[in-house]
Amino acid sequence: MTRPSLLTEEQLAAAMARLSEEWGRSGDELTATFSFSTYEAATAFVSGVAAIAQALDHHPVMTLSYGSVAVAVTTHDAGGLTSLDVELAERSSLLYASSKLS
């Protein structure tokens, strides 16, 4: 599978403008912290993000705490941020938004 190339600063700025407010940039990573009212809801979100990651063959670092999940994503083999990172962030945000409707 061909991996995507690094995004330019202009592409990253456009992507950041599209992402939900939970997302920020820390160097070569996109990071977000998602809040949940229960531990069970947080673990369900982790499972959902894991399914997204498997489908994309792109795996974030996730830290599960009571009431929150921190997610960090970068494309290690490209040495920075690519379209895979943005897609994982966007899909994670959609999952989070849908979990809030339940």
Foldseek 3Di string as FASTA:
>chain_A
DDDFAADDPVRVVVLVVPFDPQWDDDFQKIKGKAFDPFLVLQVVLVVVLVVVCVVLVFDWDWDRDGGMIMTIGHDVVNPGHDVSRSVSRRVSVVVSVVSVVD
